[in-house]
Amino acid sequence: MADTVGLLKVIVSHGKKLAIRDFTSSDPYVIVRVGDAIAKTKVINSCLNPVWNEEFTFDIKEPHRAIQFEVFDKDTFKHDDKMGHTFMDLQPLFAASKLKRALQSKLTTGDMKLRKVAPNSENCLLEESFVMYLDGEVVFDARLRLCDVETGELYVKVKWFERAYDSSGVD
């Protein structure tokens, strides 16, 4: 793990108001992409408001700009149908991590807002969000709008664990 700058934990919590791709429902799953690494949630059958609560850990060798999420409807006899895609900009998370390092001596075991992130054309946030310091972890909880689809939201939580160095800067 010497090449790793940190660990990124991605929790795909749930979806809301997903699009219908079968007759009356869908069988959704999510593909998560961080750089070249890919993870996939389980399929939730016949559900437009699925709950996955699945956690994936990615070794990060160089900081990536964003996490990509693609939602699909599982089909048995044909190609899976697209149900939208979204992304989460990671720069606020990395910036908050630097702030955490700078404030390390002042941080306690409670929670603290490190950075506010507003919805804009550069992200898929549905509402103002915060990168938080929660019990020693840097956490970004987000409600994301699905793009290129008539309806849908994806709720995710991302945690960043920076690689620890000793005081000399050598691991």
Foldseek 3Di string as FASTA:
>chain_A
DQLFQWKKKKWFFKKAQFDADPDQFFFKKKWKDDPPDIDIFHTRPRDRIDGGRDMDMDGHNDDDQKMKMWMWGDDDPDDTHTGFIFIAGCVLLVVLVVVCVVCVVVDDQAKDFSDWDADDPVHFAPGIWTQMCHRNWTKTWTWGWGPPHPGMITTMMMIIGGDDDPPVRHD
